[in-house]
C-alpha atoms as a PDB file:
ATOM      1  CA  MET A   1       0.000   0.000   0.000  1.00  0.00           C
ATOM      2  CA  ARG A   2       1.247   3.454  -0.888  1.00  0.00           C
ATOM      3  CA  LYS A   3       0.839   6.497   1.345  1.00  0.00           C
ATOM      4  CA  ILE A   4      -1.478   7.975  -1.276  1.00  0.00           C
ATOM      5  CA  ASP A   5      -3.948   5.170  -0.512  1.00  0.00           C
ATOM      6  CA  TYR A   6      -4.474   6.184   3.126  1.00  0.00           C
ATOM      7  CA  PRO A   7      -6.801   9.140   2.416  1.00  0.00           C
ATOM      8  CA  ILE A   8      -8.784   7.032  -0.063  1.00  0.00           C
ATOM      9  CA  LEU A   9      -9.190   4.222   2.480  1.00  0.00           C
ATOM     10  CA  PHE A  10     -10.142   6.748   5.170  1.00  0.00           C
ATOM     11  CA  ILE A  11     -12.868   8.200   2.930  1.00  0.00           C
ATOM     12  CA  ALA A  12     -14.014   4.716   1.896  1.00  0.00           C
ATOM     13  CA  SER A  13     -14.354   3.821   5.578  1.00  0.00           C
ATOM     14  CA  GLY A  14     -16.879   6.630   5.979  1.00  0.00           C
ATOM     15  CA  PHE A  15     -14.177   8.824   7.532  1.00  0.00           C
ATOM     16  CA  GLY A  16     -13.308   6.124  10.038  1.00  0.00           C
ATOM     17  CA  ALA A  17     -16.793   4.838  10.889  1.00  0.00           C
ATOM     18  CA  GLY A  18     -16.060   1.570   9.113  1.00  0.00           C
ATOM     19  CA  PHE A  19     -13.598   0.668  11.852  1.00  0.00           C
ATOM     20  CA  LEU A  20     -16.228   0.901  14.608  1.00  0.00           C
ATOM     21  CA  ARG A  21     -17.727  -2.359  15.815  1.00  0.00           C
ATOM     22  CA  PRO A  22     -20.244  -3.833  15.928  1.00  0.00           C
ATOM     23  CA  TYR A  23     -22.477  -2.797  13.019  1.00  0.00           C
ATOM     24  CA  ALA A  24     -20.088  -0.637  11.015  1.00  0.00           C
ATOM     25  CA  GLY A  25     -22.872   0.187   8.530  1.00  0.00           C
ATOM     26  CA  THR A  26     -25.041   1.630  11.278  1.00  0.00           C
ATOM     27  CA  TRP A  27     -22.158   3.707  12.628  1.00  0.00           C
ATOM     28  CA  GLY A  28     -21.476   4.843   9.067  1.00  0.00           C
ATOM     29  CA  SER A  29     -25.052   6.133   8.780  1.00  0.00           C
ATOM     30  CA  ILE A  30     -25.053   8.320  11.904  1.00  0.00           C
ATOM     31  CA  ALA A  31     -22.678  11.109  10.816  1.00  0.00           C
ATOM     32  CA  PRO A  32     -24.396  11.696   7.446  1.00  0.00           C
ATOM     33  CA  ALA A  33     -27.777  11.891   9.211  1.00  0.00           C
ATOM     34  CA  ILE A  34     -26.368  14.666  11.396  1.00  0.00           C
ATOM     35  CA  LEU A  35     -24.685  16.312   8.401  1.00  0.00           C
ATOM     36  CA  GLY A  36     -27.954  16.099   6.461  1.00  0.00           C
ATOM     37  CA  TRP A  37     -29.784  17.764   9.352  1.00  0.00           C
ATOM     38  CA  TYR A  38     -27.244  20.586   9.434  1.00  0.00           C
ATOM     39  CA  LEU A  39     -27.257  21.102   5.667  1.00  0.00           C
ATOM     40  CA  ALA A  40     -31.062  21.062   5.485  1.00  0.00           C
ATOM     41  CA  ALA A  41     -31.370  23.569   8.319  1.00  0.00           C
ATOM     42  CA  HIS A  42     -28.567  25.960   7.357  1.00  0.00           C
ATOM     43  CA  THR A  43     -27.917  25.838   3.610  1.00  0.00           C
ATOM     44  CA  PRO A  44     -29.897  26.100   0.385  1.00  0.00           C
ATOM     45  CA  PHE A  45     -31.173  22.851  -1.111  1.00  0.00           C
ATOM     46  CA  TRP A  46     -28.631  23.031  -3.946  1.00  0.00           C
ATOM     47  CA  VAL A  47     -25.805  22.751  -1.387  1.00  0.00           C
ATOM     48  CA  PHE A  48     -27.399  19.620   0.123  1.00  0.00           C
ATOM     49  CA  SER A  49     -27.802  18.213  -3.386  1.00  0.00           C
ATOM     50  CA  LEU A  50     -24.205  19.003  -4.313  1.00  0.00           C
ATOM     51  CA  VAL A  51     -22.848  17.395  -1.133  1.00  0.00           C
ATOM     52  CA  THR A  52     -24.992  14.307  -1.763  1.00  0.00           C
ATOM     53  CA  ALA A  53     -23.887  14.012  -5.399  1.00  0.00           C
ATOM     54  CA  ALA A  54     -20.245  14.509  -4.411  1.00  0.00           C
ATOM     55  CA  THR A  55     -20.548  11.852  -1.698  1.00  0.00           C
ATOM     56  CA  ILE A  56     -22.013   9.403  -4.206  1.00  0.00           C
ATOM     57  CA  ALA A  57     -19.303  10.113  -6.796  1.00  0.00           C
ATOM     58  CA  LEU A  58     -16.472  10.087  -4.249  1.00  0.00           C
ATOM     59  CA  GLY A  59     -17.977   6.952  -2.741  1.00  0.00           C
ATOM     60  CA  VAL A  60     -17.899   5.076  -6.029  1.00  0.00           C
ATOM     61  CA  VAL A  61     -14.257   5.975  -6.671  1.00  0.00           C
ATOM     62  CA  CYS A  62     -12.995   5.373  -3.128  1.00  0.00           C
ATOM     63  CA  ALA A  63     -15.028   2.196  -2.582  1.00  0.00           C
ATOM     64  CA  ASP A  64     -13.661   0.821  -5.845  1.00  0.00           C
ATOM     65  CA  ARG A  65     -10.067   1.440  -4.707  1.00  0.00           C
ATOM     66  CA  ALA A  66     -10.738   0.179  -1.166  1.00  0.00           C
ATOM     67  CA  GLU A  67     -12.323  -3.015  -2.473  1.00  0.00           C
ATOM     68  CA  LYS A  68      -9.061  -3.845  -4.201  1.00  0.00           C
ATOM     69  CA  PHE A  69      -7.281  -3.484  -0.859  1.00  0.00           C
ATOM     70  CA  TRP A  70      -9.827  -4.867   1.662  1.00  0.00           C
ATOM     71  CA  GLY A  71     -11.776  -7.274  -0.561  1.00  0.00           C
ATOM     72  CA  ALA A  72     -15.245  -7.375  -2.121  1.00  0.00           C
ATOM     73  CA  ASP A  73     -17.719  -5.055  -0.330  1.00  0.00           C
ATOM     74  CA  ALA A  74     -15.710  -5.255   2.892  1.00  0.00           C
ATOM     75  CA  LYS A  75     -17.471  -4.261   6.129  1.00  0.00           C
ATOM     76  CA  ARG A  76     -14.947  -1.443   6.565  1.00  0.00           C
ATOM     77  CA  ILE A  77     -16.308   0.315   3.469  1.00  0.00           C
ATOM     78  CA  THR A  78     -19.072   2.566   4.797  1.00  0.00           C
ATOM     79  CA  ILE A  79     -18.939   5.548   2.434  1.00  0.00           C
ATOM     80  CA  ASP A  80     -21.872   3.843   0.711  1.00  0.00           C
ATOM     81  CA  GLU A  81     -23.913   4.219   3.902  1.00  0.00           C
ATOM     82  CA  CYS A  82     -22.956   7.898   3.981  1.00  0.00           C
ATOM     83  CA  ALA A  83     -24.277   8.379   0.450  1.00  0.00           C
ATOM     84  CA  GLY A  84     -27.431   6.355   1.043  1.00  0.00           C
ATOM     85  CA  MET A  85     -28.264   8.126   4.300  1.00  0.00           C
ATOM     86  CA  LEU A  86     -27.959  11.544   2.668  1.00  0.00           C
ATOM     87  CA  VAL A  87     -30.401  10.372  -0.004  1.00  0.00           C
ATOM     88  CA  ALA A  88     -32.710   9.018   2.724  1.00  0.00           C
ATOM     89  CA  VAL A  89     -33.051  12.420   4.429  1.00  0.00           C
ATOM     90  CA  MET A  90     -32.925  14.633   1.339  1.00  0.00           C
ATOM     91  CA  ALA A  91     -35.644  17.321   1.367  1.00  0.00           C
ATOM     92  CA  LEU A  92     -37.387  15.888   4.420  1.00  0.00           C
ATOM     93  CA  PRO A  93     -38.619  18.167   7.206  1.00  0.00           C
ATOM     94  CA  THR A  94     -35.869  18.836   9.745  1.00  0.00           C
ATOM     95  CA  ILE A  95     -37.762  17.321  12.652  1.00  0.00           C
ATOM     96  CA  TRP A  96     -35.845  14.924  14.899  1.00  0.00           C
ATOM     97  CA  TRP A  97     -38.380  12.096  14.725  1.00  0.00           C
ATOM     98  CA  VAL A  98     -38.577  12.340  10.919  1.00  0.00           C
ATOM     99  CA  TYR A  99     -34.805  11.874  10.724  1.00  0.00           C
ATOM    100  CA  LEU A 100     -34.971   9.024  13.224  1.00  0.00           C
ATOM    101  CA  ILE A 101     -37.602   7.243  11.128  1.00  0.00           C
ATOM    102  CA  ALA A 102     -35.538   7.872   7.975  1.00  0.00           C
ATOM    103  CA  PHE A 103     -32.471   6.447   9.729  1.00  0.00           C
ATOM    104  CA  ILE A 104     -34.302   3.291  10.844  1.00  0.00           C
ATOM    105  CA  ALA A 105     -35.970   2.874   7.440  1.00  0.00           C
ATOM    106  CA  PHE A 106     -32.655   3.306   5.633  1.00  0.00           C
ATOM    107  CA  ARG A 107     -30.941   0.691   7.779  1.00  0.00           C
ATOM    108  CA  ALA A 108     -33.862  -1.713   7.243  1.00  0.00           C
ATOM    109  CA  PHE A 109     -33.905  -1.220   3.474  1.00  0.00           C
ATOM    110  CA  ASP A 110     -30.111  -1.483   3.340  1.00  0.00           C
ATOM    111  CA  VAL A 111     -30.227  -4.838   5.115  1.00  0.00           C
ATOM    112  CA  LEU A 112     -33.289  -6.216   3.276  1.00  0.00           C
ATOM    113  CA  LYS A 113     -32.259  -4.898  -0.166  1.00  0.00           C
ATOM    114  CA  PRO A 114     -35.618  -5.167  -1.940  1.00  0.00           C
ATOM    115  CA  PRO A 115     -35.436  -5.253  -5.757  1.00  0.00           C
ATOM    116  CA  PRO A 116     -33.758  -3.692  -7.593  1.00  0.00           C
ATOM    117  CA  ALA A 117     -31.300  -2.843  -4.777  1.00  0.00           C
ATOM    118  CA  ARG A 118     -30.061  -6.445  -4.582  1.00  0.00           C
ATOM    119  CA  GLN A 119     -29.439  -6.446  -8.349  1.00  0.00           C
ATOM    120  CA  LEU A 120     -27.637  -3.074  -8.186  1.00  0.00           C
ATOM    121  CA  GLU A 121     -25.262  -4.589  -5.647  1.00  0.00           C
ATOM    122  CA  GLY A 122     -24.065  -6.840  -8.481  1.00  0.00           C
ATOM    123  CA  LEU A 123     -22.729  -3.919 -10.517  1.00  0.00           C
ATOM    124  CA  PRO A 124     -18.933  -3.934 -10.767  1.00  0.00           C
ATOM    125  CA  GLY A 125     -16.636  -2.406  -8.156  1.00  0.00           C
ATOM    126  CA  GLY A 126     -17.475   0.778  -6.323  1.00  0.00           C
ATOM    127  CA  LEU A 127     -20.574   1.366  -8.410  1.00  0.00           C
ATOM    128  CA  GLY A 128     -22.183  -1.797  -7.040  1.00  0.00           C
ATOM    129  CA  ILE A 129     -21.107  -0.980  -3.497  1.00  0.00           C
ATOM    130  CA  VAL A 130     -22.713   2.461  -3.580  1.00  0.00           C
ATOM    131  CA  ALA A 131     -25.703   1.904  -5.892  1.00  0.00           C
ATOM    132  CA  ASP A 132     -27.591  -0.486  -3.608  1.00  0.00           C
ATOM    133  CA  ASP A 133     -27.277   1.971  -0.699  1.00  0.00           C
ATOM    134  CA  VAL A 134     -28.499   4.853  -2.839  1.00  0.00           C
ATOM    135  CA  ALA A 135     -31.498   2.670  -3.738  1.00  0.00           C
ATOM    136  CA  ALA A 136     -32.059   1.917  -0.032  1.00  0.00           C
ATOM    137  CA  GLY A 137     -31.902   5.665   0.612  1.00  0.00           C
ATOM    138  CA  LEU A 138     -34.519   6.301  -2.059  1.00  0.00           C
ATOM    139  CA  TYR A 139     -36.782   3.624  -0.576  1.00  0.00           C
ATOM    140  CA  ALA A 140     -36.379   5.133   2.896  1.00  0.00           C
ATOM    141  CA  ASN A 141     -37.070   8.658   1.640  1.00  0.00           C
ATOM    142  CA  ILE A 142     -40.227   7.549  -0.171  1.00  0.00           C
ATOM    143  CA  PHE A 143     -41.329   5.498   2.861  1.00  0.00           C
ATOM    144  CA  VAL A 144     -41.002   8.525   5.162  1.00  0.00           C
ATOM    145  CA  ARG A 145     -42.862  10.766   2.714  1.00  0.00           C
ATOM    146  CA  VAL A 146     -45.754   8.287   2.467  1.00  0.00           C
ATOM    147  CA  LEU A 147     -45.787   7.967   6.254  1.00  0.00           C
ATOM    148  CA  LEU A 148     -45.895  11.751   6.656  1.00  0.00           C
ATOM    149  CA  LEU A 149     -48.791  11.971   4.199  1.00  0.00           C
ATOM    150  CA  THR A 150     -50.767   9.361   6.100  1.00  0.00           C
ATOM    151  CA  VAL A 151     -50.288  10.980   9.527  1.00  0.00           C
ATOM    152  CA  SER A 152     -51.022  14.547   8.451  1.00  0.00           C
END
């Protein structure tokens, strides 16, 4: 491993969350939920969107490189959870219980991987690592929106 790989592996680990045990994926989802809350409350929507898109793109590249070092979809790679969680909370009301429901729904959809998330996981390299979590984030976001419509 070259020194240049350390920052890439750090990013791929969700900025270190991938080293936390147990449930690295859950740990990797907490910081982006908090970041999403901050961005939604204090920045224009385009900033939130840009950060989310950059996290997805950076996630694909870094996860691809990290997979070559740590192995196929290694538990240490949690940048995909960061990307998926940002998608899960995108444009939702910044109410604590809404974010909590989005967090729980994202983790459930990430574990269950309903179609086509399971199929997206089969895409090559970093794209497959990140795509299924983005799909889980979309499912969670839609789930929360439907839930909010039914309780209002």
